[in-house]
N, C-alpha and C. Protein backbone atom coordinates (compact mmCIF):
# COMPACT_ATOMS: atom_id res chain seq x y z
N UNK A 1 -59.63 -20.91 -20.01
CA UNK A 1 -60.40 -22.04 -19.79
C UNK A 1 -61.24 -22.43 -20.67
N UNK A 2 -61.98 -21.28 -21.53
CA UNK A 2 -62.71 -21.89 -22.45
C UNK A 2 -62.06 -22.26 -23.42
N UNK A 3 -60.80 -21.98 -23.87
CA UNK A 3 -60.12 -22.40 -24.75
C UNK A 3 -59.66 -23.95 -24.81
N UNK A 4 -59.55 -24.22 -23.46
CA UNK A 4 -59.38 -25.67 -23.02
C UNK A 4 -60.38 -26.39 -23.01
N UNK A 5 -61.82 -26.02 -23.07
CA UNK A 5 -62.51 -27.12 -23.19
C UNK A 5 -63.16 -27.24 -24.71
N UNK A 6 -62.58 -26.12 -25.35
CA UNK A 6 -62.71 -26.54 -26.95
C UNK A 6 -61.63 -26.99 -27.63
N UNK A 7 -60.51 -26.98 -27.19
CA UNK A 7 -59.65 -28.26 -27.79
C UNK A 7 -60.14 -29.57 -27.33
N UNK A 8 -60.97 -30.08 -25.87
CA UNK A 8 -61.02 -31.35 -25.50
C UNK A 8 -62.49 -31.59 -26.56
N UNK A 9 -63.41 -30.53 -26.94
CA UNK A 9 -64.57 -30.98 -27.86
C UNK A 9 -63.95 -31.35 -29.17
N UNK A 10 -62.95 -30.55 -29.53
CA UNK A 10 -62.28 -30.88 -30.62
C UNK A 10 -61.60 -32.26 -30.93
N UNK A 11 -61.09 -32.91 -30.00
CA UNK A 11 -60.03 -34.07 -29.46
C UNK A 11 -61.18 -35.52 -29.38
N UNK A 12 -60.15 -36.42 -30.11
CA UNK A 12 -60.90 -37.85 -29.56
C UNK A 12 -60.93 -38.52 -28.24
N UNK A 13 -59.65 -38.03 -27.37
CA UNK A 13 -60.05 -37.89 -25.86
C UNK A 13 -60.41 -37.16 -25.07
N UNK A 14 -61.12 -37.47 -24.40
CA UNK A 14 -61.97 -35.89 -23.62
C UNK A 14 -61.16 -35.85 -22.54
N UNK A 15 -60.13 -36.21 -21.74
CA UNK A 15 -58.77 -36.03 -21.34
C UNK A 15 -57.74 -35.26 -21.35
N UNK A 16 -57.74 -35.58 -22.66
CA UNK A 16 -56.27 -34.74 -23.22
C UNK A 16 -56.33 -34.05 -24.00
N UNK A 17 -55.47 -32.92 -23.94
CA UNK A 17 -55.24 -31.66 -25.08
C UNK A 17 -54.17 -31.76 -25.83
N UNK A 18 -53.60 -31.55 -27.30
CA UNK A 18 -52.81 -31.21 -27.55
C UNK A 18 -52.15 -29.66 -27.10
N UNK A 19 -51.07 -29.84 -26.27
CA UNK A 19 -50.71 -28.41 -25.51
C UNK A 19 -49.91 -28.01 -26.03
N UNK A 20 -48.86 -28.24 -27.17
CA UNK A 20 -48.68 -27.75 -28.47
C UNK A 20 -49.23 -26.76 -29.10
N UNK A 21 -50.12 -27.07 -29.41
CA UNK A 21 -51.25 -26.61 -30.19
C UNK A 21 -51.77 -25.51 -29.21
N UNK A 22 -52.20 -25.91 -28.08
CA UNK A 22 -52.92 -24.99 -27.34
C UNK A 22 -52.01 -23.63 -27.05
N UNK A 23 -51.06 -24.27 -26.48
CA UNK A 23 -49.79 -23.23 -26.31
C UNK A 23 -49.73 -21.67 -27.55
N UNK A 24 -50.09 -22.36 -28.97
CA UNK A 24 -49.77 -21.42 -29.88
C UNK A 24 -51.05 -20.45 -30.18
N UNK A 25 -52.25 -20.90 -29.44
CA UNK A 25 -53.70 -20.33 -30.02
C UNK A 25 -53.69 -19.46 -28.77
N UNK A 26 -52.99 -20.10 -27.74
CA UNK A 26 -53.47 -19.13 -26.20
C UNK A 26 -52.52 -17.99 -26.12
N UNK A 27 -51.44 -18.09 -26.75
CA UNK A 27 -50.42 -16.82 -26.56
C UNK A 27 -51.00 -16.12 -27.89
N UNK A 28 -50.79 -16.54 -28.77
CA UNK A 28 -51.26 -15.47 -30.33
C UNK A 28 -52.82 -14.95 -29.60
N UNK A 29 -53.32 -15.46 -28.92
CA UNK A 29 -54.49 -14.24 -28.44
C UNK A 29 -54.52 -13.60 -27.39
N UNK A 30 -53.29 -13.58 -26.64
CA UNK A 30 -53.33 -12.90 -25.77
C UNK A 30 -52.04 -12.02 -26.44
N UNK A 31 -51.56 -12.29 -27.19
CA UNK A 31 -50.58 -11.00 -28.18
C UNK A 31 -51.13 -10.42 -28.61
N UNK A 32 -51.94 -10.91 -29.06
CA UNK A 32 -52.71 -10.27 -30.03
C UNK A 32 -53.55 -8.82 -29.52
N UNK A 33 -54.33 -9.25 -28.35
CA UNK A 33 -54.87 -8.43 -27.70
C UNK A 33 -54.25 -7.03 -27.01
N UNK A 34 -53.14 -7.45 -26.42
CA UNK A 34 -52.22 -6.39 -25.85
C UNK A 34 -51.56 -5.29 -27.08
N UNK A 35 -50.94 -5.99 -28.07
CA UNK A 35 -50.03 -5.57 -28.70
C UNK A 35 -50.43 -4.41 -29.45
N UNK A 36 -50.03 -3.28 -29.81
CA UNK A 36 -50.98 -1.67 -30.85
C UNK A 36 -50.02 -2.09 -31.84
N UNK A 37 -48.45 -2.10 -31.26
CA UNK A 37 -47.45 -2.00 -32.65
C UNK A 37 -47.16 -3.42 -32.45
N UNK A 38 -47.40 -4.46 -33.36
CA UNK A 38 -46.69 -5.68 -33.57
C UNK A 38 -45.36 -5.79 -34.04
N UNK A 39 -44.47 -4.45 -34.64
CA UNK A 39 -43.70 -4.71 -35.16
C UNK A 39 -42.58 -4.14 -33.97
N UNK A 40 -42.57 -4.24 -32.42
CA UNK A 40 -42.45 -3.48 -31.48
C UNK A 40 -41.47 -4.53 -30.89
N UNK A 41 -42.87 -6.13 -30.51
CA UNK A 41 -42.30 -6.90 -29.61
C UNK A 41 -42.59 -8.06 -31.01
N UNK A 42 -41.45 -8.82 -30.73
CA UNK A 42 -41.61 -10.31 -31.48
C UNK A 42 -41.99 -11.31 -30.32
N UNK A 43 -42.94 -12.23 -31.25
CA UNK A 43 -43.36 -13.51 -29.95
C UNK A 43 -42.36 -14.78 -30.55
N UNK A 44 -41.96 -15.34 -29.97
CA UNK A 44 -41.44 -16.11 -30.77
C UNK A 44 -42.16 -17.99 -30.08
N UNK A 45 -43.06 -18.84 -30.75
CA UNK A 45 -43.43 -19.88 -29.98
C UNK A 45 -42.28 -21.43 -30.06
N UNK A 46 -41.98 -21.66 -29.70
CA UNK A 46 -41.22 -23.45 -30.08
C UNK A 46 -41.72 -24.26 -29.05
N UNK A 47 -42.65 -24.78 -28.91
CA UNK A 47 -43.45 -26.35 -28.45
C UNK A 47 -42.92 -27.14 -29.31
N UNK A 48 -43.24 -28.12 -28.39
CA UNK A 48 -43.43 -29.34 -28.84
C UNK A 48 -45.51 -30.16 -28.60
N UNK A 49 -45.62 -30.17 -29.55
CA UNK A 49 -47.27 -31.09 -29.82
C UNK A 49 -47.35 -32.42 -28.91
N UNK A 50 -47.89 -31.96 -27.22
CA UNK A 50 -47.47 -32.80 -26.65
C UNK A 50 -49.32 -33.07 -25.78
N UNK A 51 -49.44 -34.39 -25.78
CA UNK A 51 -50.64 -34.74 -25.30
C UNK A 51 -50.67 -34.07 -23.75
N UNK A 52 -51.45 -33.52 -22.88
CA UNK A 52 -51.38 -33.16 -21.29
C UNK A 52 -52.64 -33.46 -21.03
N UNK A 53 -52.87 -34.26 -19.78
CA UNK A 53 -53.94 -34.23 -18.92
C UNK A 53 -54.48 -33.20 -18.44
N UNK A 54 -55.90 -32.78 -18.92
CA UNK A 54 -56.34 -31.56 -18.89
C UNK A 54 -56.17 -31.22 -17.27
N UNK A 55 -56.16 -32.07 -16.38
CA UNK A 55 -55.61 -31.30 -14.91
C UNK A 55 -54.40 -31.36 -14.94
N UNK A 56 -53.50 -31.14 -15.40
CA UNK A 56 -52.14 -30.42 -15.91
C UNK A 56 -52.44 -29.24 -16.75
N UNK A 57 -53.16 -29.17 -17.90
CA UNK A 57 -53.35 -28.18 -18.43
C UNK A 57 -53.53 -26.95 -18.33
N UNK A 58 -54.94 -27.10 -17.37
CA UNK A 58 -55.83 -26.08 -17.09
C UNK A 58 -54.93 -25.00 -16.08
N UNK A 59 -54.07 -25.58 -15.29
CA UNK A 59 -53.12 -24.66 -14.47
C UNK A 59 -51.73 -24.31 -15.54
N UNK A 60 -51.41 -24.86 -15.94
CA UNK A 60 -50.13 -24.21 -16.91
C UNK A 60 -50.85 -23.65 -17.89
N UNK A 61 -52.09 -23.44 -18.65
CA UNK A 61 -53.00 -22.08 -19.65
C UNK A 61 -52.52 -20.86 -18.23
N UNK A 62 -53.46 -21.14 -17.28
CA UNK A 62 -53.32 -20.00 -16.35
C UNK A 62 -51.92 -19.22 -16.34
N UNK A 63 -51.30 -20.56 -16.15
CA UNK A 63 -49.63 -19.50 -15.89
C UNK A 63 -48.96 -19.10 -16.92
N UNK A 64 -49.37 -19.65 -18.33
CA UNK A 64 -49.23 -18.92 -19.63
C UNK A 64 -49.54 -17.49 -19.81
N UNK A 65 -50.87 -17.29 -19.42
CA UNK A 65 -52.17 -16.61 -19.25
C UNK A 65 -51.24 -15.52 -18.62
N UNK A 66 -50.77 -15.01 -17.65
CA UNK A 66 -50.25 -14.73 -16.25
C UNK A 66 -48.65 -14.33 -16.83
N UNK A 67 -48.05 -15.07 -16.96
CA UNK A 67 -46.55 -14.57 -17.31
C UNK A 67 -46.20 -13.69 -19.09
N UNK A 68 -47.09 -14.83 -20.08
CA UNK A 68 -46.94 -13.94 -21.03
C UNK A 68 -48.00 -12.35 -20.78
N UNK A 69 -48.74 -12.00 -20.13
CA UNK A 69 -49.64 -10.97 -20.12
C UNK A 69 -48.56 -9.63 -19.08
N UNK A 70 -47.80 -10.40 -18.47
CA UNK A 70 -47.12 -9.41 -17.68
C UNK A 70 -45.78 -9.15 -18.43
N UNK A 71 -45.37 -9.75 -19.14
CA UNK A 71 -44.59 -9.62 -20.22
C UNK A 71 -44.69 -8.30 -20.80
N UNK A 72 -45.88 -8.55 -21.46
CA UNK A 72 -46.41 -7.64 -22.59
C UNK A 72 -46.80 -6.46 -21.97
N UNK A 73 -47.16 -6.13 -20.77
CA UNK A 73 -47.95 -5.26 -20.35
C UNK A 73 -46.53 -4.35 -19.41
N UNK A 74 -45.43 -4.88 -19.02
CA UNK A 74 -44.75 -4.47 -18.29
C UNK A 74 -42.90 -4.45 -18.59
N UNK A 75 -42.63 -5.27 -19.73
CA UNK A 75 -41.18 -5.82 -19.40
C UNK A 75 -40.46 -4.62 -20.44
N UNK A 76 -41.58 -4.08 -21.60
CA UNK A 76 -40.86 -2.90 -22.49
C UNK A 76 -41.53 -1.40 -22.51
N UNK A 77 -41.39 -1.45 -21.60
CA UNK A 77 -42.09 0.26 -20.94
C UNK A 77 -41.25 1.07 -22.31
N UNK A 78 -42.37 2.52 -21.88
CA UNK A 78 -41.52 3.47 -23.19
C UNK A 78 -41.38 3.29 -24.38
N UNK A 79 -42.27 2.20 -25.30
CA UNK A 79 -42.05 1.81 -26.38
C UNK A 79 -40.83 1.28 -27.43
N UNK A 80 -40.43 0.66 -26.29
CA UNK A 80 -39.01 -0.31 -25.60
C UNK A 80 -39.56 -1.66 -27.49
N UNK A 81 -38.27 -1.80 -28.17
CA UNK A 81 -38.59 -3.44 -28.78
C UNK A 81 -38.09 -4.66 -27.73
N UNK A 82 -38.49 -5.90 -28.13
CA UNK A 82 -37.84 -6.64 -27.39
C UNK A 82 -38.53 -8.01 -28.04
N UNK A 83 -38.15 -9.17 -27.07
CA UNK A 83 -38.59 -10.27 -27.57
C UNK A 83 -39.20 -11.33 -26.36
N UNK A 84 -40.40 -11.73 -26.61
CA UNK A 84 -41.17 -12.46 -25.87
C UNK A 84 -40.98 -14.22 -26.34
N UNK A 85 -40.63 -14.98 -25.56
CA UNK A 85 -40.06 -16.00 -26.41
C UNK A 85 -40.72 -17.54 -25.00
N UNK A 86 -41.47 -18.36 -25.89
CA UNK A 86 -42.22 -19.35 -24.91
C UNK A 86 -41.24 -20.61 -25.63
N UNK A 87 -41.52 -21.46 -24.70
CA UNK A 87 -40.63 -23.13 -24.98
C UNK A 87 -40.80 -24.22 -23.89
N UNK A 88 -41.75 -25.42 -24.75
CA UNK A 88 -42.48 -26.22 -24.08
C UNK A 88 -42.16 -27.76 -24.57
N UNK A 89 -41.27 -28.32 -23.68
CA UNK A 89 -40.66 -29.55 -24.22
C UNK A 89 -40.80 -30.34 -23.17
N UNK A 90 -40.19 -32.09 -23.65
CA UNK A 90 -40.12 -33.26 -22.74
C UNK A 90 -39.21 -33.47 -22.89
N UNK A 91 -38.36 -33.91 -21.48
CA UNK A 91 -37.16 -34.60 -21.81
C UNK A 91 -37.19 -35.92 -21.14
N UNK A 92 -37.45 -37.03 -21.80
CA UNK A 92 -37.35 -38.41 -20.74
C UNK A 92 -39.15 -38.11 -20.34
N UNK A 93 -39.53 -37.75 -19.25
CA UNK A 93 -40.33 -38.03 -18.09
C UNK A 93 -40.76 -36.67 -17.17
N UNK A 94 -39.77 -35.60 -18.58
CA UNK A 94 -39.79 -34.51 -17.58
C UNK A 94 -40.33 -33.37 -18.81
N UNK A 95 -40.88 -32.63 -18.23
CA UNK A 95 -41.68 -31.26 -18.68
C UNK A 95 -40.61 -30.04 -18.65
N UNK A 96 -40.63 -29.02 -19.08
CA UNK A 96 -39.97 -27.68 -19.30
C UNK A 96 -41.36 -26.79 -20.17
N UNK A 97 -41.47 -26.02 -19.02
CA UNK A 97 -42.18 -25.02 -19.74
C UNK A 97 -41.09 -23.19 -19.19
N UNK A 98 -40.74 -22.64 -20.64
CA UNK A 98 -40.14 -21.44 -20.29
C UNK A 98 -40.53 -20.42 -20.88
N UNK A 99 -41.21 -19.55 -19.89
CA UNK A 99 -41.26 -17.88 -20.52
C UNK A 99 -40.58 -16.85 -20.15
N UNK A 100 -40.07 -16.10 -21.43
CA UNK A 100 -38.94 -15.29 -20.98
C UNK A 100 -38.65 -14.13 -22.26
N UNK A 101 -38.41 -13.21 -21.50
CA UNK A 101 -38.40 -11.59 -22.27
C UNK A 101 -37.19 -10.93 -22.05
N UNK A 102 -37.05 -10.34 -23.06
CA UNK A 102 -35.56 -9.31 -22.93
C UNK A 102 -35.57 -7.75 -22.89
N UNK A 103 -36.80 -7.89 -21.41
CA UNK A 103 -37.52 -6.33 -21.28
C UNK A 103 -36.21 -6.37 -20.18
N UNK A 104 -36.99 -5.52 -19.65
CA UNK A 104 -36.39 -4.59 -18.45
C UNK A 104 -36.07 -5.27 -17.08
N UNK A 105 -36.65 -6.41 -17.10
CA UNK A 105 -36.47 -7.58 -16.13
C UNK A 105 -37.15 -7.42 -14.59
N UNK A 106 -37.48 -8.47 -14.00
CA UNK A 106 -38.15 -7.94 -12.42
C UNK A 106 -36.67 -7.70 -11.66
N UNK A 107 -37.19 -7.00 -10.41
CA UNK A 107 -36.34 -6.16 -9.52
C UNK A 107 -35.61 -7.51 -9.09
N UNK A 108 -34.13 -7.43 -9.08
CA UNK A 108 -33.36 -8.28 -8.69
C UNK A 108 -33.56 -8.63 -6.70
N UNK A 109 -33.85 -10.25 -6.78
CA UNK A 109 -33.97 -10.55 -5.58
C UNK A 109 -35.64 -10.54 -4.89
N UNK A 110 -36.38 -10.07 -5.89
CA UNK A 110 -37.74 -10.32 -5.70
C UNK A 110 -37.92 -11.54 -5.42
N UNK A 111 -38.51 -12.19 -4.36
CA UNK A 111 -39.14 -13.60 -3.84
C UNK A 111 -40.51 -13.86 -4.67
N UNK A 112 -40.42 -14.26 -5.71
CA UNK A 112 -41.71 -15.00 -6.48
C UNK A 112 -42.84 -15.57 -5.50
N UNK A 113 -42.43 -16.67 -4.80
CA UNK A 113 -43.08 -17.00 -3.65
C UNK A 113 -43.69 -16.60 -2.56
N UNK A 114 -42.86 -15.39 -2.08
CA UNK A 114 -43.58 -14.46 -1.24
C UNK A 114 -43.48 -13.10 -1.60
N UNK A 115 -44.77 -12.80 -2.38
CA UNK A 115 -44.64 -10.89 -3.04
C UNK A 115 -46.14 -11.11 -2.28
N UNK A 116 -46.23 -9.55 -2.98
CA UNK A 116 -47.77 -8.89 -2.84
C UNK A 116 -47.89 -8.73 -4.18
N UNK A 117 -47.30 -9.45 -5.20
CA UNK A 117 -47.95 -9.45 -6.31
C UNK A 117 -48.47 -10.91 -6.51
N UNK A 118 -50.13 -10.08 -6.68
CA UNK A 118 -50.99 -11.44 -6.76
C UNK A 118 -50.55 -12.58 -7.78
N UNK A 119 -50.32 -11.44 -9.52
CA UNK A 119 -50.23 -12.67 -10.47
C UNK A 119 -48.67 -13.57 -10.15
N UNK A 120 -47.79 -12.88 -9.44
CA UNK A 120 -46.37 -14.18 -8.98
C UNK A 120 -46.45 -15.09 -7.79
N UNK A 121 -47.67 -14.64 -7.25
CA UNK A 121 -47.95 -16.00 -5.94
C UNK A 121 -49.05 -17.07 -6.81
N UNK A 122 -49.79 -16.34 -7.34
CA UNK A 122 -50.58 -17.19 -8.53
C UNK A 122 -49.80 -18.24 -9.25
N UNK A 123 -48.73 -17.97 -9.77
CA UNK A 123 -47.87 -18.94 -10.58
C UNK A 123 -47.39 -19.69 -9.53
N UNK A 124 -46.58 -19.06 -8.29
CA UNK A 124 -46.20 -19.66 -8.06
C UNK A 124 -46.99 -20.89 -7.17
N UNK A 125 -48.58 -20.75 -6.85
CA UNK A 125 -49.16 -21.92 -6.31
C UNK A 125 -49.49 -22.77 -6.97
N UNK A 126 -49.66 -21.86 -8.86
CA UNK A 126 -50.27 -22.84 -9.36
C UNK A 126 -49.16 -24.16 -10.06
N UNK A 127 -47.92 -23.43 -9.85
CA UNK A 127 -46.88 -25.14 -10.47
C UNK A 127 -46.95 -25.99 -9.13
N UNK A 128 -47.06 -25.27 -7.92
CA UNK A 128 -46.82 -26.37 -6.50
C UNK A 128 -48.45 -27.32 -7.18
N UNK A 129 -49.23 -26.68 -7.61
CA UNK A 129 -50.27 -27.25 -7.64
C UNK A 129 -50.40 -28.75 -8.70
N UNK A 130 -49.07 -28.69 -9.65
CA UNK A 130 -48.70 -29.75 -10.80
C UNK A 130 -47.60 -30.23 -10.05
N UNK A 131 -47.41 -30.12 -9.09
CA UNK A 131 -45.82 -30.82 -8.22
C UNK A 131 -44.70 -30.20 -9.21
N UNK A 132 -45.21 -28.72 -9.81
CA UNK A 132 -43.69 -28.59 -10.39
C UNK A 132 -42.52 -27.49 -9.54
N UNK A 133 -41.50 -27.44 -9.93
CA UNK A 133 -40.67 -26.32 -9.12
C UNK A 133 -40.28 -25.22 -10.51
N UNK A 134 -40.63 -23.80 -9.67
CA UNK A 134 -40.82 -23.02 -10.67
C UNK A 134 -39.29 -22.05 -10.06
N UNK A 135 -38.68 -21.44 -11.45
CA UNK A 135 -37.12 -20.70 -11.03
C UNK A 135 -37.51 -19.92 -12.34
N UNK A 136 -36.54 -18.55 -11.30
CA UNK A 136 -36.95 -17.09 -12.14
C UNK A 136 -35.22 -17.04 -12.40
N UNK A 137 -34.90 -16.50 -13.41
CA UNK A 137 -33.56 -16.28 -14.02
C UNK A 137 -33.53 -14.79 -14.36
N UNK A 138 -33.10 -14.39 -14.00
CA UNK A 138 -32.61 -12.81 -14.31
C UNK A 138 -31.21 -12.70 -15.05
N UNK A 139 -31.36 -12.43 -16.20
CA UNK A 139 -30.54 -12.49 -16.97
C UNK A 139 -31.11 -12.08 -18.58
N UNK A 140 -30.43 -10.84 -18.68
CA UNK A 140 -31.60 -10.10 -19.78
C UNK A 140 -32.80 -10.47 -20.10
N UNK A 141 -33.44 -10.03 -18.65
CA UNK A 141 -34.63 -9.64 -18.86
C UNK A 141 -35.23 -10.24 -17.88
N UNK A 142 -36.74 -11.21 -18.36
CA UNK A 142 -36.93 -12.18 -16.91
C UNK A 142 -37.22 -13.98 -17.52
N UNK A 143 -36.86 -14.49 -16.77
CA UNK A 143 -37.14 -16.00 -17.64
C UNK A 143 -37.81 -17.02 -16.33
N UNK A 144 -38.73 -17.54 -16.68
CA UNK A 144 -39.24 -18.52 -15.82
C UNK A 144 -39.51 -19.71 -16.44
N UNK A 145 -38.73 -20.29 -15.76
CA UNK A 145 -38.80 -21.84 -15.75
C UNK A 145 -39.51 -22.90 -15.07
N UNK A 146 -40.13 -24.00 -15.63
CA UNK A 146 -41.09 -24.28 -14.63
C UNK A 146 -40.93 -25.82 -15.43
N UNK A 147 -40.44 -26.91 -14.23
CA UNK A 147 -40.20 -28.07 -14.70
C UNK A 147 -41.16 -29.07 -13.66
N UNK A 148 -41.96 -29.76 -14.71
CA UNK A 148 -42.94 -31.07 -14.11
C UNK A 148 -42.92 -32.51 -14.57
N UNK A 149 -43.34 -33.05 -13.29
CA UNK A 149 -43.88 -34.28 -14.18
C UNK A 149 -45.44 -34.99 -14.20
N UNK A 150 -45.71 -35.05 -15.46
CA UNK A 150 -47.23 -35.39 -15.23
C UNK A 150 -47.73 -36.54 -14.17
N UNK A 151 -48.84 -36.20 -13.25
CA UNK A 151 -49.02 -36.96 -12.37
C UNK A 151 -50.21 -38.04 -13.58
N UNK A 152 -50.23 -39.36 -12.85
CA UNK A 152 -50.56 -40.28 -13.45
C UNK A 152 -51.80 -40.65 -12.57
C-alpha cells in the first residue's frame, strides 16, 4: 500500500495510478525478497500500462502480493525450478489479471472460496470487493484468473 501511495504522489492524477508500472515494481520487490537463487525461478511480467482508480488498485495490489508470495513460498519445493507469470490487460471494458506458476499446484478440488487458508480467503474477498470473479485453473501448476470491470 505504501508503494501505491508513492505512485499516487508521482502522478498528476491523485485518484489513479499506472497499474502496469505498479505491478512491475511490486512483483520485483516481492520476488527479490523471497528468492535466494534467482536462477531457480523465472518471473515473467506481461502487463499493459493501464490507469486504475485507487479504490481498485489497492485490493488488486493485495491480491498480487498474496498470490505471488504463495507461489514463491510453496509452488517450488525442494529447490525445483519453475516459472511464475503475471498478466494484466484490458479488453473492451473488462480487465483480466492472471497469476500462474508451473509448480506443484494446489490440491485438486480445493475450494478457495471456502477454505481454512486465510490467504486464499483474502484473495476471494478482495476480488468480491472489486465486483470481480476469480477462477482457479489446475493445469501445469496453479493459475488464478481474476476478471473485473472498473467501477466508476
